[in-house]
Amino acid sequence: MLVPLPKMGDHQSKNAQGLVDAGAATVLRDQDCTADTLMTALEHILTPTVQHQMAAAARSLGHVHADDEIVQVCLQVAK
């Protein structure tokens, strides 16, 4: 669950949207975040089915060898 900070501009919300669209996260707006809404949201995302779905969605977004590719680009640029 992501709770973008409103005082940081809208970039946190925009960054979160990609994860939400993929099914890898949910967003709770800061102004809507109360003890009750947080508890309800956590109860939902902590159910085994939702956890499994969100984890699979998050894995699908990953790039397993990104670190190696970044190193190779840096080495090429440094030459």
PDB file of N, CA and C in Angstrom:
ATOM      1  N   MET A   1       0.844  -1.160   0.000  1.00  0.00           N
ATOM      2  CA  MET A   1       0.000   0.000   0.000  1.00  0.00           C
ATOM      3  C   MET A   1       0.894   1.228   0.000  1.00  0.00           C
ATOM      4  N   LEU A   2       0.528   2.180  -0.813  1.00  0.00           N
ATOM      5  CA  LEU A   2       1.269   3.421  -0.927  1.00  0.00           C
ATOM      6  C   LEU A   2       0.389   4.576  -0.476  1.00  0.00           C
ATOM      7  N   VAL A   3       0.984   5.472   0.293  1.00  0.00           N
ATOM      8  CA  VAL A   3       0.289   6.675   0.738  1.00  0.00           C
ATOM      9  C   VAL A   3       1.151   7.861   0.310  1.00  0.00           C
ATOM     10  N   PRO A   4       0.917   8.379  -0.895  1.00  0.00           N
ATOM     11  CA  PRO A   4       1.729   9.496  -1.384  1.00  0.00           C
ATOM     12  C   PRO A   4       1.568  10.730  -0.488  1.00  0.00           C
ATOM     13  N   LEU A   5       2.668  11.389  -0.232  1.00  0.00           N
ATOM     14  CA  LEU A   5       2.636  12.601   0.583  1.00  0.00           C
ATOM     15  C   LEU A   5       2.155  13.775  -0.259  1.00  0.00           C
ATOM     16  N   PRO A   6       1.133  14.468   0.175  1.00  0.00           N
ATOM     17  CA  PRO A   6       0.586  15.568  -0.635  1.00  0.00           C
ATOM     18  C   PRO A   6       1.528  16.756  -0.746  1.00  0.00           C
ATOM     19  N   LYS A   7       2.395  16.969   0.233  1.00  0.00           N
ATOM     20  CA  LYS A   7       3.297  18.126   0.201  1.00  0.00           C
ATOM     21  C   LYS A   7       4.499  17.910  -0.712  1.00  0.00           C
ATOM     22  N   MET A   8       4.589  16.755  -1.318  1.00  0.00           N
ATOM     23  CA  MET A   8       5.714  16.449  -2.204  1.00  0.00           C
ATOM     24  C   MET A   8       5.356  16.689  -3.668  1.00  0.00           C
ATOM     25  N   GLY A   9       4.265  17.333  -3.919  1.00  0.00           N
ATOM     26  CA  GLY A   9       3.812  17.500  -5.291  1.00  0.00           C
ATOM     27  C   GLY A   9       3.067  16.248  -5.711  1.00  0.00           C
ATOM     28  N   ASP A  10       2.776  16.150  -6.976  1.00  0.00           N
ATOM     29  CA  ASP A  10       1.985  15.010  -7.454  1.00  0.00           C
ATOM     30  C   ASP A  10       2.847  13.868  -7.972  1.00  0.00           C
ATOM     31  N   HIS A  11       4.181  14.017  -7.923  1.00  0.00           N
ATOM     32  CA  HIS A  11       5.011  12.982  -8.535  1.00  0.00           C
ATOM     33  C   HIS A  11       4.906  11.639  -7.820  1.00  0.00           C
ATOM     34  N   GLN A  12       4.695  11.632  -6.509  1.00  0.00           N
ATOM     35  CA  GLN A  12       4.551  10.346  -5.824  1.00  0.00           C
ATOM     36  C   GLN A  12       3.286   9.620  -6.281  1.00  0.00           C
ATOM     37  N   SER A  13       2.224  10.358  -6.482  1.00  0.00           N
ATOM     38  CA  SER A  13       0.990   9.746  -6.985  1.00  0.00           C
ATOM     39  C   SER A  13       1.185   9.203  -8.389  1.00  0.00           C
ATOM     40  N   LYS A  14       1.870   9.966  -9.218  1.00  0.00           N
ATOM     41  CA  LYS A  14       2.113   9.520 -10.592  1.00  0.00           C
ATOM     42  C   LYS A  14       3.008   8.288 -10.614  1.00  0.00           C
ATOM     43  N   ASN A  15       4.036   8.258  -9.763  1.00  0.00           N
ATOM     44  CA  ASN A  15       4.907   7.080  -9.691  1.00  0.00           C
ATOM     45  C   ASN A  15       4.131   5.860  -9.204  1.00  0.00           C
ATOM     46  N   ALA A  16       3.248   6.064  -8.249  1.00  0.00           N
ATOM     47  CA  ALA A  16       2.462   4.960  -7.700  1.00  0.00           C
ATOM     48  C   ALA A  16       1.484   4.402  -8.726  1.00  0.00           C
ATOM     49  N   GLN A  17       1.010   5.237  -9.614  1.00  0.00           N
ATOM     50  CA  GLN A  17      -0.033   4.822 -10.552  1.00  0.00           C
ATOM     51  C   GLN A  17       0.391   3.652 -11.426  1.00  0.00           C
ATOM     52  N   GLY A  18       1.649   3.602 -11.806  1.00  0.00           N
ATOM     53  CA  GLY A  18       2.130   2.472 -12.605  1.00  0.00           C
ATOM     54  C   GLY A  18       2.006   1.150 -11.863  1.00  0.00           C
ATOM     55  N   LEU A  19       2.313   1.166 -10.577  1.00  0.00           N
ATOM     56  CA  LEU A  19       2.168  -0.041  -9.767  1.00  0.00           C
ATOM     57  C   LEU A  19       0.702  -0.408  -9.583  1.00  0.00           C
ATOM     58  N   VAL A  20      -0.120   0.602  -9.379  1.00  0.00           N
ATOM     59  CA  VAL A  20      -1.562   0.374  -9.227  1.00  0.00           C
ATOM     60  C   VAL A  20      -2.131  -0.203 -10.521  1.00  0.00           C
ATOM     61  N   ASP A  21      -1.777   0.393 -11.647  1.00  0.00           N
ATOM     62  CA  ASP A  21      -2.286  -0.084 -12.937  1.00  0.00           C
ATOM     63  C   ASP A  21      -1.896  -1.534 -13.204  1.00  0.00           C
ATOM     64  N   ALA A  22      -0.716  -1.920 -12.728  1.00  0.00           N
ATOM     65  CA  ALA A  22      -0.253  -3.296 -12.929  1.00  0.00           C
ATOM     66  C   ALA A  22      -0.857  -4.264 -11.915  1.00  0.00           C
ATOM     67  N   GLY A  23      -1.514  -3.736 -10.897  1.00  0.00           N
ATOM     68  CA  GLY A  23      -2.088  -4.586  -9.859  1.00  0.00           C
ATOM     69  C   GLY A  23      -1.105  -4.943  -8.759  1.00  0.00           C
ATOM     70  N   ALA A  24       0.024  -4.232  -8.708  1.00  0.00           N
ATOM     71  CA  ALA A  24       1.073  -4.542  -7.738  1.00  0.00           C
ATOM     72  C   ALA A  24       0.970  -3.721  -6.452  1.00  0.00           C
ATOM     73  N   ALA A  25       0.078  -2.765  -6.407  1.00  0.00           N
ATOM     74  CA  ALA A  25      -0.053  -1.913  -5.226  1.00  0.00           C
ATOM     75  C   ALA A  25      -1.432  -1.282  -5.196  1.00  0.00           C
ATOM     76  N   THR A  26      -1.749  -0.742  -4.049  1.00  0.00           N
ATOM     77  CA  THR A  26      -2.941   0.078  -3.906  1.00  0.00           C
ATOM     78  C   THR A  26      -2.496   1.415  -3.340  1.00  0.00           C
ATOM     79  N   VAL A  27      -3.297   2.425  -3.549  1.00  0.00           N
ATOM     80  CA  VAL A  27      -2.990   3.759  -3.036  1.00  0.00           C
ATOM     81  C   VAL A  27      -4.091   4.189  -2.084  1.00  0.00           C
ATOM     82  N   LEU A  28      -3.669   4.757  -0.990  1.00  0.00           N
ATOM     83  CA  LEU A  28      -4.591   5.380  -0.051  1.00  0.00           C
ATOM     84  C   LEU A  28      -4.167   6.837   0.041  1.00  0.00           C
ATOM     85  N   ARG A  29      -5.039   7.722  -0.387  1.00  0.00           N
ATOM     86  CA  ARG A  29      -4.697   9.139  -0.366  1.00  0.00           C
ATOM     87  C   ARG A  29      -4.492   9.593   1.076  1.00  0.00           C
ATOM     88  N   ASP A  30      -3.499  10.422   1.284  1.00  0.00           N
ATOM     89  CA  ASP A  30      -3.162  10.901   2.616  1.00  0.00           C
ATOM     90  C   ASP A  30      -4.378  11.495   3.318  1.00  0.00           C
ATOM     91  N   GLN A  31      -5.142  12.293   2.596  1.00  0.00           N
ATOM     92  CA  GLN A  31      -6.305  12.942   3.204  1.00  0.00           C
ATOM     93  C   GLN A  31      -7.405  11.942   3.576  1.00  0.00           C
ATOM     94  N   ASP A  32      -7.344  10.740   2.999  1.00  0.00           N
ATOM     95  CA  ASP A  32      -8.327   9.707   3.314  1.00  0.00           C
ATOM     96  C   ASP A  32      -7.795   8.697   4.338  1.00  0.00           C
ATOM     97  N   CYS A  33      -6.556   8.871   4.748  1.00  0.00           N
ATOM     98  CA  CYS A  33      -5.905   7.905   5.627  1.00  0.00           C
ATOM     99  C   CYS A  33      -6.265   8.177   7.083  1.00  0.00           C
ATOM    100  N   THR A  34      -7.123   7.326   7.590  1.00  0.00           N
ATOM    101  CA  THR A  34      -7.492   7.352   9.006  1.00  0.00           C
ATOM    102  C   THR A  34      -7.203   5.962   9.560  1.00  0.00           C
ATOM    103  N   ALA A  35      -7.312   5.807  10.838  1.00  0.00           N
ATOM    104  CA  ALA A  35      -7.102   4.482  11.426  1.00  0.00           C
ATOM    105  C   ALA A  35      -8.049   3.462  10.816  1.00  0.00           C
ATOM    106  N   ASP A  36      -9.292   3.853  10.604  1.00  0.00           N
ATOM    107  CA  ASP A  36     -10.283   2.926  10.054  1.00  0.00           C
ATOM    108  C   ASP A  36     -10.015   2.578   8.591  1.00  0.00           C
ATOM    109  N   THR A  37      -9.738   3.603   7.766  1.00  0.00           N
ATOM    110  CA  THR A  37      -9.506   3.319   6.345  1.00  0.00           C
ATOM    111  C   THR A  37      -8.214   2.533   6.152  1.00  0.00           C
ATOM    112  N   LEU A  38      -7.210   2.838   6.966  1.00  0.00           N
ATOM    113  CA  LEU A  38      -5.951   2.098   6.875  1.00  0.00           C
ATOM    114  C   LEU A  38      -6.161   0.639   7.269  1.00  0.00           C
ATOM    115  N   MET A  39      -6.867   0.404   8.339  1.00  0.00           N
ATOM    116  CA  MET A  39      -7.135  -0.965   8.787  1.00  0.00           C
ATOM    117  C   MET A  39      -7.928  -1.736   7.737  1.00  0.00           C
ATOM    118  N   THR A  40      -8.933  -1.112   7.165  1.00  0.00           N
ATOM    119  CA  THR A  40      -9.730  -1.771   6.129  1.00  0.00           C
ATOM    120  C   THR A  40      -8.867  -2.123   4.924  1.00  0.00           C
ATOM    121  N   ALA A  41      -8.049  -1.180   4.487  1.00  0.00           N
ATOM    122  CA  ALA A  41      -7.188  -1.415   3.333  1.00  0.00           C
ATOM    123  C   ALA A  41      -6.169  -2.515   3.622  1.00  0.00           C
ATOM    124  N   LEU A  42      -5.583  -2.492   4.799  1.00  0.00           N
ATOM    125  CA  LEU A  42      -4.602  -3.527   5.158  1.00  0.00           C
ATOM    126  C   LEU A  42      -5.247  -4.900   5.261  1.00  0.00           C
ATOM    127  N   GLU A  43      -6.428  -4.966   5.833  1.00  0.00           N
ATOM    128  CA  GLU A  43      -7.129  -6.252   5.911  1.00  0.00           C
ATOM    129  C   GLU A  43      -7.368  -6.824   4.523  1.00  0.00           C
ATOM    130  N   HIS A  44      -7.675  -5.946   3.578  1.00  0.00           N
ATOM    131  CA  HIS A  44      -7.907  -6.402   2.200  1.00  0.00           C
ATOM    132  C   HIS A  44      -6.619  -6.910   1.561  1.00  0.00           C
ATOM    133  N   ILE A  45      -5.565  -6.105   1.605  1.00  0.00           N
ATOM    134  CA  ILE A  45      -4.339  -6.512   0.885  1.00  0.00           C
ATOM    135  C   ILE A  45      -3.578  -7.624   1.593  1.00  0.00           C
ATOM    136  N   LEU A  46      -3.893  -7.888   2.858  1.00  0.00           N
ATOM    137  CA  LEU A  46      -3.214  -8.966   3.567  1.00  0.00           C
ATOM    138  C   LEU A  46      -3.922 -10.307   3.452  1.00  0.00           C
ATOM    139  N   THR A  47      -5.011 -10.362   2.700  1.00  0.00           N
ATOM    140  CA  THR A  47      -5.632 -11.667   2.449  1.00  0.00           C
ATOM    141  C   THR A  47      -4.715 -12.452   1.512  1.00  0.00           C
ATOM    142  N   PRO A  48      -4.603 -13.753   1.706  1.00  0.00           N
ATOM    143  CA  PRO A  48      -3.674 -14.537   0.885  1.00  0.00           C
ATOM    144  C   PRO A  48      -3.880 -14.384  -0.622  1.00  0.00           C
ATOM    145  N   THR A  49      -5.121 -14.344  -1.075  1.00  0.00           N
ATOM    146  CA  THR A  49      -5.383 -14.226  -2.511  1.00  0.00           C
ATOM    147  C   THR A  49      -4.863 -12.899  -3.056  1.00  0.00           C
ATOM    148  N   VAL A  50      -5.162 -11.813  -2.361  1.00  0.00           N
ATOM    149  CA  VAL A  50      -4.723 -10.497  -2.824  1.00  0.00           C
ATOM    150  C   VAL A  50      -3.202 -10.401  -2.747  1.00  0.00           C
ATOM    151  N   GLN A  51      -2.611 -10.925  -1.673  1.00  0.00           N
ATOM    152  CA  GLN A  51      -1.149 -10.913  -1.554  1.00  0.00           C
ATOM    153  C   GLN A  51      -0.512 -11.647  -2.733  1.00  0.00           C
ATOM    154  N   HIS A  52      -1.052 -12.799  -3.067  1.00  0.00           N
ATOM    155  CA  HIS A  52      -0.511 -13.592  -4.175  1.00  0.00           C
ATOM    156  C   HIS A  52      -0.633 -12.825  -5.499  1.00  0.00           C
ATOM    157  N   GLN A  53      -1.786 -12.231  -5.736  1.00  0.00           N
ATOM    158  CA  GLN A  53      -2.000 -11.489  -6.980  1.00  0.00           C
ATOM    159  C   GLN A  53      -1.069 -10.278  -7.075  1.00  0.00           C
ATOM    160  N   MET A  54      -0.942  -9.534  -5.986  1.00  0.00           N
ATOM    161  CA  MET A  54      -0.089  -8.346  -5.995  1.00  0.00           C
ATOM    162  C   MET A  54       1.383  -8.725  -6.134  1.00  0.00           C
ATOM    163  N   ALA A  55       1.794  -9.803  -5.472  1.00  0.00           N
ATOM    164  CA  ALA A  55       3.183 -10.255  -5.578  1.00  0.00           C
ATOM    165  C   ALA A  55       3.507 -10.675  -7.006  1.00  0.00           C
ATOM    166  N   ALA A  56       2.593 -11.408  -7.630  1.00  0.00           N
ATOM    167  CA  ALA A  56       2.813 -11.827  -9.021  1.00  0.00           C
ATOM    168  C   ALA A  56       2.889 -10.616  -9.947  1.00  0.00           C
ATOM    169  N   ALA A  57       2.024  -9.635  -9.705  1.00  0.00           N
ATOM    170  CA  ALA A  57       2.047  -8.418 -10.528  1.00  0.00           C
ATOM    171  C   ALA A  57       3.356  -7.662 -10.329  1.00  0.00           C
ATOM    172  N   ALA A  58       3.827  -7.579  -9.098  1.00  0.00           N
ATOM    173  CA  ALA A  58       5.092  -6.888  -8.824  1.00  0.00           C
ATOM    174  C   ALA A  58       6.259  -7.609  -9.491  1.00  0.00           C
ATOM    175  N   ARG A  59       6.264  -8.937  -9.412  1.00  0.00           N
ATOM    176  CA  ARG A  59       7.340  -9.701 -10.070  1.00  0.00           C
ATOM    177  C   ARG A  59       7.333  -9.480 -11.575  1.00  0.00           C
ATOM    178  N   SER A  60       6.161  -9.334 -12.161  1.00  0.00           N
ATOM    179  CA  SER A  60       6.079  -9.153 -13.610  1.00  0.00           C
ATOM    180  C   SER A  60       6.669  -7.813 -14.049  1.00  0.00           C
ATOM    181  N   LEU A  61       6.747  -6.872 -13.134  1.00  0.00           N
ATOM    182  CA  LEU A  61       7.318  -5.558 -13.452  1.00  0.00           C
ATOM    183  C   LEU A  61       8.835  -5.532 -13.330  1.00  0.00           C
ATOM    184  N   GLY A  62       9.370  -6.536 -12.658  1.00  0.00           N
ATOM    185  CA  GLY A  62      10.814  -6.544 -12.390  1.00  0.00           C
ATOM    186  C   GLY A  62      11.651  -6.810 -13.631  1.00  0.00           C
ATOM    187  N   HIS A  63      12.862  -6.359 -13.554  1.00  0.00           N
ATOM    188  CA  HIS A  63      13.845  -6.599 -14.615  1.00  0.00           C
ATOM    189  C   HIS A  63      15.038  -7.259 -13.924  1.00  0.00           C
ATOM    190  N   VAL A  64      15.116  -8.580 -14.039  1.00  0.00           N
ATOM    191  CA  VAL A  64      16.025  -9.385 -13.236  1.00  0.00           C
ATOM    192  C   VAL A  64      17.486  -8.948 -13.336  1.00  0.00           C
ATOM    193  N   HIS A  65      17.964  -8.626 -14.500  1.00  0.00           N
ATOM    194  CA  HIS A  65      19.380  -8.300 -14.667  1.00  0.00           C
ATOM    195  C   HIS A  65      19.618  -6.818 -14.916  1.00  0.00           C
ATOM    196  N   ALA A  66      18.756  -5.987 -14.402  1.00  0.00           N
ATOM    197  CA  ALA A  66      18.889  -4.543 -14.627  1.00  0.00           C
ATOM    198  C   ALA A  66      20.209  -4.019 -14.101  1.00  0.00           C
ATOM    199  N   ASP A  67      20.660  -4.516 -12.964  1.00  0.00           N
ATOM    200  CA  ASP A  67      21.911  -4.017 -12.401  1.00  0.00           C
ATOM    201  C   ASP A  67      23.092  -4.298 -13.325  1.00  0.00           C
ATOM    202  N   ASP A  68      23.140  -5.495 -13.906  1.00  0.00           N
ATOM    203  CA  ASP A  68      24.218  -5.828 -14.834  1.00  0.00           C
ATOM    204  C   ASP A  68      24.169  -4.945 -16.087  1.00  0.00           C
ATOM    205  N   GLU A  69      22.968  -4.697 -16.568  1.00  0.00           N
ATOM    206  CA  GLU A  69      22.835  -3.858 -17.759  1.00  0.00           C
ATOM    207  C   GLU A  69      23.247  -2.423 -17.484  1.00  0.00           C
ATOM    208  N   ILE A  70      22.925  -1.917 -16.324  1.00  0.00           N
ATOM    209  CA  ILE A  70      23.330  -0.552 -15.958  1.00  0.00           C
ATOM    210  C   ILE A  70      24.850  -0.466 -15.860  1.00  0.00           C
ATOM    211  N   VAL A  71      25.468  -1.464 -15.259  1.00  0.00           N
ATOM    212  CA  VAL A  71      26.946  -1.493 -15.154  1.00  0.00           C
ATOM    213  C   VAL A  71      27.554  -1.493 -16.543  1.00  0.00           C
ATOM    214  N   GLN A  72      27.015  -2.276 -17.448  1.00  0.00           N
ATOM    215  CA  GLN A  72      27.583  -2.348 -18.799  1.00  0.00           C
ATOM    216  C   GLN A  72      27.462  -1.003 -19.516  1.00  0.00           C
ATOM    217  N   VAL A  73      26.355  -0.337 -19.372  1.00  0.00           N
ATOM    218  CA  VAL A  73      26.187   0.987 -19.983  1.00  0.00           C
ATOM    219  C   VAL A  73      27.173   1.967 -19.382  1.00  0.00           C
ATOM    220  N   CYS A  74      27.337   1.935 -18.083  1.00  0.00           N
ATOM    221  CA  CYS A  74      28.283   2.839 -17.410  1.00  0.00           C
ATOM    222  C   CYS A  74      29.723   2.584 -17.886  1.00  0.00           C
ATOM    223  N   LEU A  75      30.063   1.329 -18.032  1.00  0.00           N
ATOM    224  CA  LEU A  75      31.406   0.989 -18.505  1.00  0.00           C
ATOM    225  C   LEU A  75      31.626   1.468 -19.942  1.00  0.00           C
ATOM    226  N   GLN A  76      30.601   1.332 -20.770  1.00  0.00           N
ATOM    227  CA  GLN A  76      30.717   1.799 -22.159  1.00  0.00           C
ATOM    228  C   GLN A  76      30.875   3.313 -22.206  1.00  0.00           C
ATOM    229  N   VAL A  77      30.117   4.006 -21.405  1.00  0.00           N
ATOM    230  CA  VAL A  77      30.176   5.466 -21.373  1.00  0.00           C
ATOM    231  C   VAL A  77      31.527   5.930 -20.835  1.00  0.00           C
ATOM    232  N   ALA A  78      32.072   5.198 -19.871  1.00  0.00           N
ATOM    233  CA  ALA A  78      33.342   5.583 -19.250  1.00  0.00           C
ATOM    234  C   ALA A  78      34.527   5.392 -20.185  1.00  0.00           C
ATOM    235  N   LYS A  79      34.403   4.573 -21.195  1.00  0.00           N
ATOM    236  CA  LYS A  79      35.514   4.307 -22.117  1.00  0.00           C
ATOM    237  C   LYS A  79      35.827   5.493 -22.969  1.00  0.00           C
TER     238      LYS A  79
END
